[in-house]
């Protein structure tokens, strides 16, 4: 499990001062990238160390309450499913003790070929161990 926080800025909001929904998907990705960095990884390091990247193949969200300008948005992330070539990260988002949204990303593990194309590959155990 990983936890991070974002302060909601004016530019994250619609005219009513409530978070514009696409920003949640941006914060999902930012949370994943921060989680990687916590373990000494980044997209560049994944490519260097494993010759792989982790593209999105599915994403979704459910919004249950508003988050507003100046709120501190806390995001908790957890890998809830490992498949041979994919994994799922679930996100829970809250302001204070109130959940405002939940969501998920499903990411593939893809090797980069010599020609620069991506090919599905098995998620290495070393990577799984880092995110457990």
N, C-alpha and C. Protein backbone atom coordinates (compact mmCIF):
# COMPACT_ATOMS: atom_id res chain seq x y z
N UNK A 1 0.84 -1.17 0.00
CA UNK A 1 0.00 0.00 0.00
C UNK A 1 0.89 1.24 0.00
N UNK A 2 0.41 2.26 -0.68
CA UNK A 2 1.13 3.53 -0.78
C UNK A 2 0.14 4.66 -0.56
N UNK A 3 0.59 5.72 0.09
CA UNK A 3 -0.27 6.89 0.33
C UNK A 3 0.48 8.16 -0.02
N UNK A 4 -0.24 9.09 -0.64
CA UNK A 4 0.30 10.40 -0.97
C UNK A 4 -0.82 11.42 -0.88
N UNK A 5 -0.48 12.70 -0.95
CA UNK A 5 -1.49 13.76 -0.85
C UNK A 5 -1.20 14.87 -1.85
N UNK A 6 -2.26 15.52 -2.27
CA UNK A 6 -2.20 16.66 -3.17
C UNK A 6 -3.06 17.77 -2.59
N UNK A 7 -2.59 19.00 -2.67
CA UNK A 7 -3.43 20.14 -2.35
C UNK A 7 -4.14 20.55 -3.63
N UNK A 8 -5.45 20.66 -3.57
CA UNK A 8 -6.23 21.00 -4.76
C UNK A 8 -6.07 22.48 -5.05
N UNK A 9 -5.63 22.76 -6.26
CA UNK A 9 -5.39 24.13 -6.70
C UNK A 9 -6.59 24.64 -7.49
N UNK A 10 -6.67 25.96 -7.65
CA UNK A 10 -7.78 26.57 -8.38
C UNK A 10 -7.90 26.01 -9.80
N UNK A 11 -6.77 25.80 -10.45
CA UNK A 11 -6.78 25.28 -11.81
C UNK A 11 -7.26 23.85 -11.92
N UNK A 12 -7.38 23.14 -10.79
CA UNK A 12 -7.89 21.77 -10.79
C UNK A 12 -9.42 21.74 -10.79
N UNK A 13 -10.05 22.91 -10.63
CA UNK A 13 -11.48 22.97 -10.38
C UNK A 13 -12.27 23.56 -11.54
N UNK A 14 -13.57 23.27 -11.53
CA UNK A 14 -14.48 23.88 -12.48
C UNK A 14 -14.94 25.23 -11.92
N UNK A 15 -15.88 25.87 -12.57
CA UNK A 15 -16.32 27.20 -12.15
C UNK A 15 -16.97 27.21 -10.78
N UNK A 16 -17.47 26.06 -10.33
CA UNK A 16 -18.09 25.97 -9.02
C UNK A 16 -17.07 25.72 -7.91
N UNK A 17 -15.78 25.61 -8.28
CA UNK A 17 -14.74 25.34 -7.29
C UNK A 17 -14.63 23.89 -6.89
N UNK A 18 -15.24 22.99 -7.68
CA UNK A 18 -15.19 21.55 -7.42
C UNK A 18 -14.24 20.92 -8.44
N UNK A 19 -13.48 19.92 -8.01
CA UNK A 19 -12.50 19.30 -8.89
C UNK A 19 -13.15 18.84 -10.20
N UNK A 20 -12.53 19.21 -11.30
CA UNK A 20 -12.95 18.78 -12.63
C UNK A 20 -12.52 17.32 -12.78
N UNK A 21 -13.46 16.43 -13.10
CA UNK A 21 -13.25 14.98 -12.98
C UNK A 21 -12.01 14.43 -13.69
N UNK A 22 -11.57 14.94 -14.87
CA UNK A 22 -10.38 14.32 -15.49
C UNK A 22 -9.12 14.42 -14.62
N UNK A 23 -9.11 15.37 -13.69
CA UNK A 23 -7.93 15.51 -12.84
C UNK A 23 -7.72 14.28 -11.95
N UNK A 24 -8.81 13.58 -11.62
CA UNK A 24 -8.65 12.38 -10.81
C UNK A 24 -7.78 11.35 -11.54
N UNK A 25 -7.97 11.21 -12.84
CA UNK A 25 -7.17 10.25 -13.61
C UNK A 25 -5.70 10.67 -13.65
N UNK A 26 -5.47 11.97 -13.73
CA UNK A 26 -4.10 12.50 -13.67
C UNK A 26 -3.48 12.16 -12.31
N UNK A 27 -4.24 12.35 -11.24
CA UNK A 27 -3.72 12.05 -9.90
C UNK A 27 -3.50 10.56 -9.68
N UNK A 28 -4.31 9.71 -10.31
CA UNK A 28 -4.03 8.26 -10.23
C UNK A 28 -2.63 7.99 -10.78
N UNK A 29 -2.37 8.53 -11.97
CA UNK A 29 -1.07 8.30 -12.59
C UNK A 29 0.06 8.90 -11.76
N UNK A 30 -0.14 10.11 -11.25
CA UNK A 30 0.89 10.74 -10.40
C UNK A 30 1.18 9.90 -9.16
N UNK A 31 0.14 9.33 -8.58
CA UNK A 31 0.32 8.47 -7.40
C UNK A 31 1.15 7.25 -7.76
N UNK A 32 0.83 6.63 -8.88
CA UNK A 32 1.62 5.47 -9.33
C UNK A 32 3.08 5.85 -9.55
N UNK A 33 3.32 6.98 -10.20
CA UNK A 33 4.69 7.42 -10.47
C UNK A 33 5.43 7.72 -9.16
N UNK A 34 4.76 8.33 -8.19
CA UNK A 34 5.38 8.59 -6.88
C UNK A 34 5.71 7.28 -6.17
N UNK A 35 4.83 6.30 -6.30
CA UNK A 35 5.04 4.98 -5.70
C UNK A 35 6.29 4.33 -6.29
N UNK A 36 6.41 4.39 -7.61
CA UNK A 36 7.62 3.87 -8.25
C UNK A 36 8.87 4.57 -7.71
N UNK A 37 8.84 5.89 -7.66
CA UNK A 37 10.00 6.67 -7.20
C UNK A 37 10.38 6.32 -5.76
N UNK A 38 9.38 6.04 -4.94
CA UNK A 38 9.66 5.64 -3.55
C UNK A 38 10.55 4.40 -3.52
N UNK A 39 10.45 3.58 -4.55
CA UNK A 39 11.23 2.34 -4.64
C UNK A 39 12.42 2.47 -5.59
N UNK A 40 12.81 3.71 -5.89
CA UNK A 40 13.98 3.93 -6.73
C UNK A 40 13.73 3.68 -8.20
N UNK A 41 12.46 3.67 -8.59
CA UNK A 41 12.12 3.44 -10.00
C UNK A 41 11.48 4.68 -10.60
N UNK A 42 11.38 4.71 -11.88
CA UNK A 42 10.67 5.71 -12.66
C UNK A 42 10.41 5.03 -14.00
N UNK A 43 9.70 5.69 -14.90
CA UNK A 43 9.50 5.07 -16.21
C UNK A 43 10.84 4.86 -16.92
N UNK A 44 11.75 5.81 -16.81
CA UNK A 44 13.08 5.64 -17.42
C UNK A 44 13.84 4.49 -16.78
N UNK A 45 13.74 4.39 -15.45
CA UNK A 45 14.45 3.32 -14.76
C UNK A 45 13.84 1.95 -15.06
N UNK A 46 12.51 1.88 -15.20
CA UNK A 46 11.88 0.61 -15.60
C UNK A 46 12.41 0.16 -16.96
N UNK A 47 12.54 1.12 -17.86
CA UNK A 47 13.03 0.79 -19.19
C UNK A 47 14.50 0.36 -19.14
N UNK A 48 15.29 1.08 -18.35
CA UNK A 48 16.72 0.75 -18.25
C UNK A 48 16.93 -0.60 -17.56
N UNK A 49 16.25 -0.78 -16.44
CA UNK A 49 16.49 -1.96 -15.60
C UNK A 49 15.79 -3.22 -16.12
N UNK A 50 14.56 -3.05 -16.63
CA UNK A 50 13.77 -4.22 -17.05
C UNK A 50 13.50 -4.24 -18.56
N UNK A 51 13.91 -3.20 -19.28
CA UNK A 51 13.59 -3.02 -20.69
C UNK A 51 12.08 -3.10 -20.92
N UNK A 52 11.32 -2.49 -19.99
CA UNK A 52 9.87 -2.57 -20.03
C UNK A 52 9.23 -1.25 -19.60
N UNK A 53 7.96 -1.12 -19.96
CA UNK A 53 7.13 0.00 -19.54
C UNK A 53 5.80 -0.57 -19.04
N UNK A 54 4.96 0.29 -18.44
CA UNK A 54 3.71 -0.17 -17.86
C UNK A 54 2.53 0.66 -18.40
N UNK A 55 2.15 0.46 -19.65
CA UNK A 55 1.07 1.26 -20.23
C UNK A 55 -0.29 0.92 -19.60
N UNK A 56 -1.17 1.93 -19.59
CA UNK A 56 -2.54 1.74 -19.14
C UNK A 56 -3.33 0.95 -20.18
N UNK A 57 -4.14 0.00 -19.72
CA UNK A 57 -5.03 -0.72 -20.63
C UNK A 57 -6.49 -0.57 -20.22
N UNK A 58 -6.75 -0.11 -19.01
CA UNK A 58 -8.11 0.14 -18.55
C UNK A 58 -8.04 1.05 -17.33
N UNK A 59 -9.04 1.90 -17.18
CA UNK A 59 -9.10 2.82 -16.05
C UNK A 59 -10.56 3.15 -15.76
N UNK A 60 -10.87 3.42 -14.50
CA UNK A 60 -12.23 3.79 -14.15
C UNK A 60 -12.27 4.50 -12.82
N UNK A 61 -13.39 5.17 -12.56
CA UNK A 61 -13.54 5.90 -11.30
C UNK A 61 -15.01 5.99 -10.92
N UNK A 62 -15.22 6.15 -9.62
CA UNK A 62 -16.55 6.39 -9.07
C UNK A 62 -16.41 7.60 -8.15
N UNK A 63 -17.28 8.57 -8.37
CA UNK A 63 -17.22 9.81 -7.60
C UNK A 63 -18.39 9.82 -6.62
N UNK A 64 -18.08 9.97 -5.32
CA UNK A 64 -19.13 9.89 -4.30
C UNK A 64 -19.31 11.19 -3.52
N UNK A 65 -18.44 12.14 -3.71
CA UNK A 65 -18.56 13.43 -3.03
C UNK A 65 -17.59 14.42 -3.64
N UNK A 66 -17.81 15.69 -3.40
CA UNK A 66 -16.95 16.71 -4.00
C UNK A 66 -15.64 16.91 -3.25
N UNK A 67 -14.61 17.23 -4.01
CA UNK A 67 -13.35 17.74 -3.46
C UNK A 67 -13.23 19.16 -4.02
N UNK A 68 -12.75 20.08 -3.19
CA UNK A 68 -12.80 21.50 -3.57
C UNK A 68 -11.42 22.15 -3.43
N UNK A 69 -11.35 23.33 -4.03
CA UNK A 69 -10.16 24.17 -3.95
C UNK A 69 -9.67 24.27 -2.52
N UNK A 70 -8.36 24.11 -2.34
CA UNK A 70 -7.65 24.17 -1.06
C UNK A 70 -7.78 22.92 -0.20
N UNK A 71 -8.62 21.96 -0.59
CA UNK A 71 -8.69 20.70 0.16
C UNK A 71 -7.39 19.93 0.00
N UNK A 72 -7.03 19.16 1.01
CA UNK A 72 -5.94 18.21 0.86
C UNK A 72 -6.56 16.86 0.49
N UNK A 73 -6.22 16.38 -0.69
CA UNK A 73 -6.73 15.12 -1.20
C UNK A 73 -5.71 14.03 -0.89
N UNK A 74 -6.11 13.06 -0.10
CA UNK A 74 -5.24 11.93 0.25
C UNK A 74 -5.62 10.75 -0.64
N UNK A 75 -4.61 10.16 -1.27
CA UNK A 75 -4.84 9.02 -2.15
C UNK A 75 -4.08 7.82 -1.62
N UNK A 76 -4.81 6.72 -1.46
CA UNK A 76 -4.21 5.45 -1.05
C UNK A 76 -4.28 4.51 -2.24
N UNK A 77 -3.16 3.87 -2.53
CA UNK A 77 -3.07 2.97 -3.68
C UNK A 77 -2.63 1.60 -3.22
N UNK A 78 -3.20 0.58 -3.86
CA UNK A 78 -2.84 -0.80 -3.52
C UNK A 78 -3.00 -1.67 -4.76
N UNK A 79 -2.01 -2.51 -5.00
CA UNK A 79 -2.16 -3.49 -6.07
C UNK A 79 -3.09 -4.57 -5.54
N UNK A 80 -4.21 -4.76 -6.24
CA UNK A 80 -5.23 -5.71 -5.78
C UNK A 80 -5.30 -6.96 -6.65
N UNK A 81 -4.59 -6.95 -7.78
CA UNK A 81 -4.62 -8.11 -8.65
C UNK A 81 -3.34 -8.17 -9.48
N UNK A 82 -2.73 -9.35 -9.49
CA UNK A 82 -1.58 -9.62 -10.35
C UNK A 82 -2.00 -10.69 -11.34
N UNK A 83 -1.85 -10.41 -12.60
CA UNK A 83 -2.01 -11.42 -13.64
C UNK A 83 -0.63 -11.63 -14.26
N UNK A 84 -0.54 -12.58 -15.17
CA UNK A 84 0.78 -12.86 -15.74
C UNK A 84 1.38 -11.61 -16.40
N UNK A 85 0.59 -10.88 -17.18
CA UNK A 85 1.11 -9.74 -17.94
C UNK A 85 0.48 -8.41 -17.55
N UNK A 86 -0.35 -8.41 -16.54
CA UNK A 86 -1.06 -7.20 -16.13
C UNK A 86 -1.17 -7.14 -14.62
N UNK A 87 -1.45 -5.92 -14.14
CA UNK A 87 -1.75 -5.76 -12.72
C UNK A 87 -2.74 -4.62 -12.55
N UNK A 88 -3.48 -4.67 -11.46
CA UNK A 88 -4.52 -3.68 -11.18
C UNK A 88 -4.17 -2.94 -9.90
N UNK A 89 -4.28 -1.63 -9.96
CA UNK A 89 -4.07 -0.78 -8.80
C UNK A 89 -5.41 -0.14 -8.46
N UNK A 90 -5.86 -0.29 -7.21
CA UNK A 90 -7.07 0.37 -6.74
C UNK A 90 -6.69 1.60 -5.94
N UNK A 91 -7.48 2.65 -6.11
CA UNK A 91 -7.23 3.94 -5.46
C UNK A 91 -8.44 4.32 -4.61
N UNK A 92 -8.18 4.83 -3.41
CA UNK A 92 -9.21 5.41 -2.56
C UNK A 92 -8.79 6.85 -2.26
N UNK A 93 -9.69 7.79 -2.51
CA UNK A 93 -9.39 9.20 -2.37
C UNK A 93 -10.28 9.81 -1.31
N UNK A 94 -9.68 10.57 -0.40
CA UNK A 94 -10.46 11.16 0.68
C UNK A 94 -9.98 12.58 0.98
N UNK A 95 -10.90 13.33 1.54
CA UNK A 95 -10.63 14.66 2.08
C UNK A 95 -11.00 14.57 3.55
N UNK A 96 -10.01 14.78 4.42
CA UNK A 96 -10.26 14.51 5.84
C UNK A 96 -10.56 13.03 6.00
N UNK A 97 -11.62 12.71 6.69
CA UNK A 97 -12.01 11.31 6.86
C UNK A 97 -13.15 10.91 5.92
N UNK A 98 -13.42 11.74 4.91
CA UNK A 98 -14.54 11.50 4.02
C UNK A 98 -14.04 11.03 2.66
N UNK A 99 -14.49 9.85 2.25
CA UNK A 99 -14.11 9.36 0.92
C UNK A 99 -14.86 10.17 -0.12
N UNK A 100 -14.13 10.65 -1.15
CA UNK A 100 -14.74 11.43 -2.22
C UNK A 100 -14.75 10.68 -3.54
N UNK A 101 -13.90 9.68 -3.69
CA UNK A 101 -13.83 8.94 -4.94
C UNK A 101 -13.06 7.64 -4.73
N UNK A 102 -13.22 6.75 -5.69
CA UNK A 102 -12.40 5.55 -5.77
C UNK A 102 -12.17 5.29 -7.24
N UNK A 103 -11.17 4.50 -7.52
CA UNK A 103 -10.89 4.22 -8.92
C UNK A 103 -9.87 3.11 -9.06
N UNK A 104 -9.53 2.84 -10.31
CA UNK A 104 -8.55 1.81 -10.58
C UNK A 104 -7.81 2.11 -11.88
N UNK A 105 -6.65 1.53 -11.97
CA UNK A 105 -5.90 1.46 -13.23
C UNK A 105 -5.51 0.01 -13.43
N UNK A 106 -5.64 -0.46 -14.65
CA UNK A 106 -5.08 -1.74 -15.01
C UNK A 106 -3.93 -1.44 -15.95
N UNK A 107 -2.76 -1.93 -15.61
CA UNK A 107 -1.55 -1.67 -16.39
C UNK A 107 -1.00 -2.99 -16.93
N UNK A 108 -0.45 -2.91 -18.11
CA UNK A 108 0.21 -4.07 -18.72
C UNK A 108 1.70 -3.96 -18.47
N UNK A 109 2.38 -5.08 -18.55
CA UNK A 109 3.84 -5.11 -18.52
C UNK A 109 4.27 -5.36 -19.96
N UNK A 110 4.99 -4.42 -20.55
CA UNK A 110 5.35 -4.54 -21.96
C UNK A 110 6.84 -4.34 -22.14
N UNK A 111 7.47 -5.28 -22.82
CA UNK A 111 8.88 -5.16 -23.17
C UNK A 111 9.02 -4.28 -24.41
N UNK A 112 10.13 -3.55 -24.45
CA UNK A 112 10.42 -2.69 -25.59
C UNK A 112 11.36 -3.45 -26.52
N UNK A 113 10.94 -3.65 -27.76
CA UNK A 113 11.76 -4.39 -28.72
C UNK A 113 12.85 -3.47 -29.29
N UNK A 114 13.76 -4.06 -30.05
CA UNK A 114 14.83 -3.28 -30.68
C UNK A 114 14.29 -2.22 -31.63
N UNK A 115 13.11 -2.45 -32.19
CA UNK A 115 12.52 -1.48 -33.11
C UNK A 115 11.66 -0.45 -32.39
N UNK A 116 11.56 -0.58 -31.07
CA UNK A 116 10.80 0.39 -30.28
C UNK A 116 9.34 0.05 -30.10
N UNK A 117 8.89 -1.08 -30.62
CA UNK A 117 7.50 -1.48 -30.40
C UNK A 117 7.38 -2.20 -29.06
N UNK A 118 6.15 -2.29 -28.59
CA UNK A 118 5.90 -2.93 -27.30
C UNK A 118 5.34 -4.32 -27.51
N UNK A 119 5.78 -5.24 -26.64
CA UNK A 119 5.31 -6.62 -26.69
C UNK A 119 5.00 -7.05 -25.26
N UNK A 120 3.81 -7.63 -25.06
CA UNK A 120 3.43 -8.10 -23.74
C UNK A 120 4.44 -9.09 -23.18
N UNK A 121 4.70 -8.99 -21.90
CA UNK A 121 5.66 -9.87 -21.24
C UNK A 121 5.18 -10.15 -19.82
N UNK A 122 5.72 -11.15 -19.20
CA UNK A 122 5.37 -11.48 -17.82
C UNK A 122 5.92 -10.45 -16.86
N UNK A 123 5.11 -10.08 -15.88
CA UNK A 123 5.56 -9.16 -14.84
C UNK A 123 6.61 -9.85 -13.99
N UNK A 124 7.81 -9.29 -13.87
CA UNK A 124 8.85 -9.95 -13.09
C UNK A 124 8.53 -9.97 -11.59
N UNK A 125 8.91 -11.03 -10.93
CA UNK A 125 8.69 -11.16 -9.49
C UNK A 125 9.35 -10.02 -8.74
N UNK A 126 10.52 -9.59 -9.18
CA UNK A 126 11.24 -8.49 -8.52
C UNK A 126 10.38 -7.23 -8.48
N UNK A 127 9.66 -6.94 -9.56
CA UNK A 127 8.79 -5.78 -9.61
C UNK A 127 7.59 -5.98 -8.66
N UNK A 128 7.00 -7.17 -8.68
CA UNK A 128 5.87 -7.46 -7.78
C UNK A 128 6.28 -7.26 -6.34
N UNK A 129 7.46 -7.76 -5.98
CA UNK A 129 7.92 -7.65 -4.60
C UNK A 129 8.06 -6.20 -4.15
N UNK A 130 8.45 -5.31 -5.07
CA UNK A 130 8.60 -3.89 -4.74
C UNK A 130 7.28 -3.23 -4.40
N UNK A 131 6.21 -3.62 -5.07
CA UNK A 131 4.92 -2.95 -4.88
C UNK A 131 3.99 -3.68 -3.89
N UNK A 132 4.49 -4.68 -3.22
CA UNK A 132 3.66 -5.37 -2.21
C UNK A 132 3.76 -4.70 -0.89
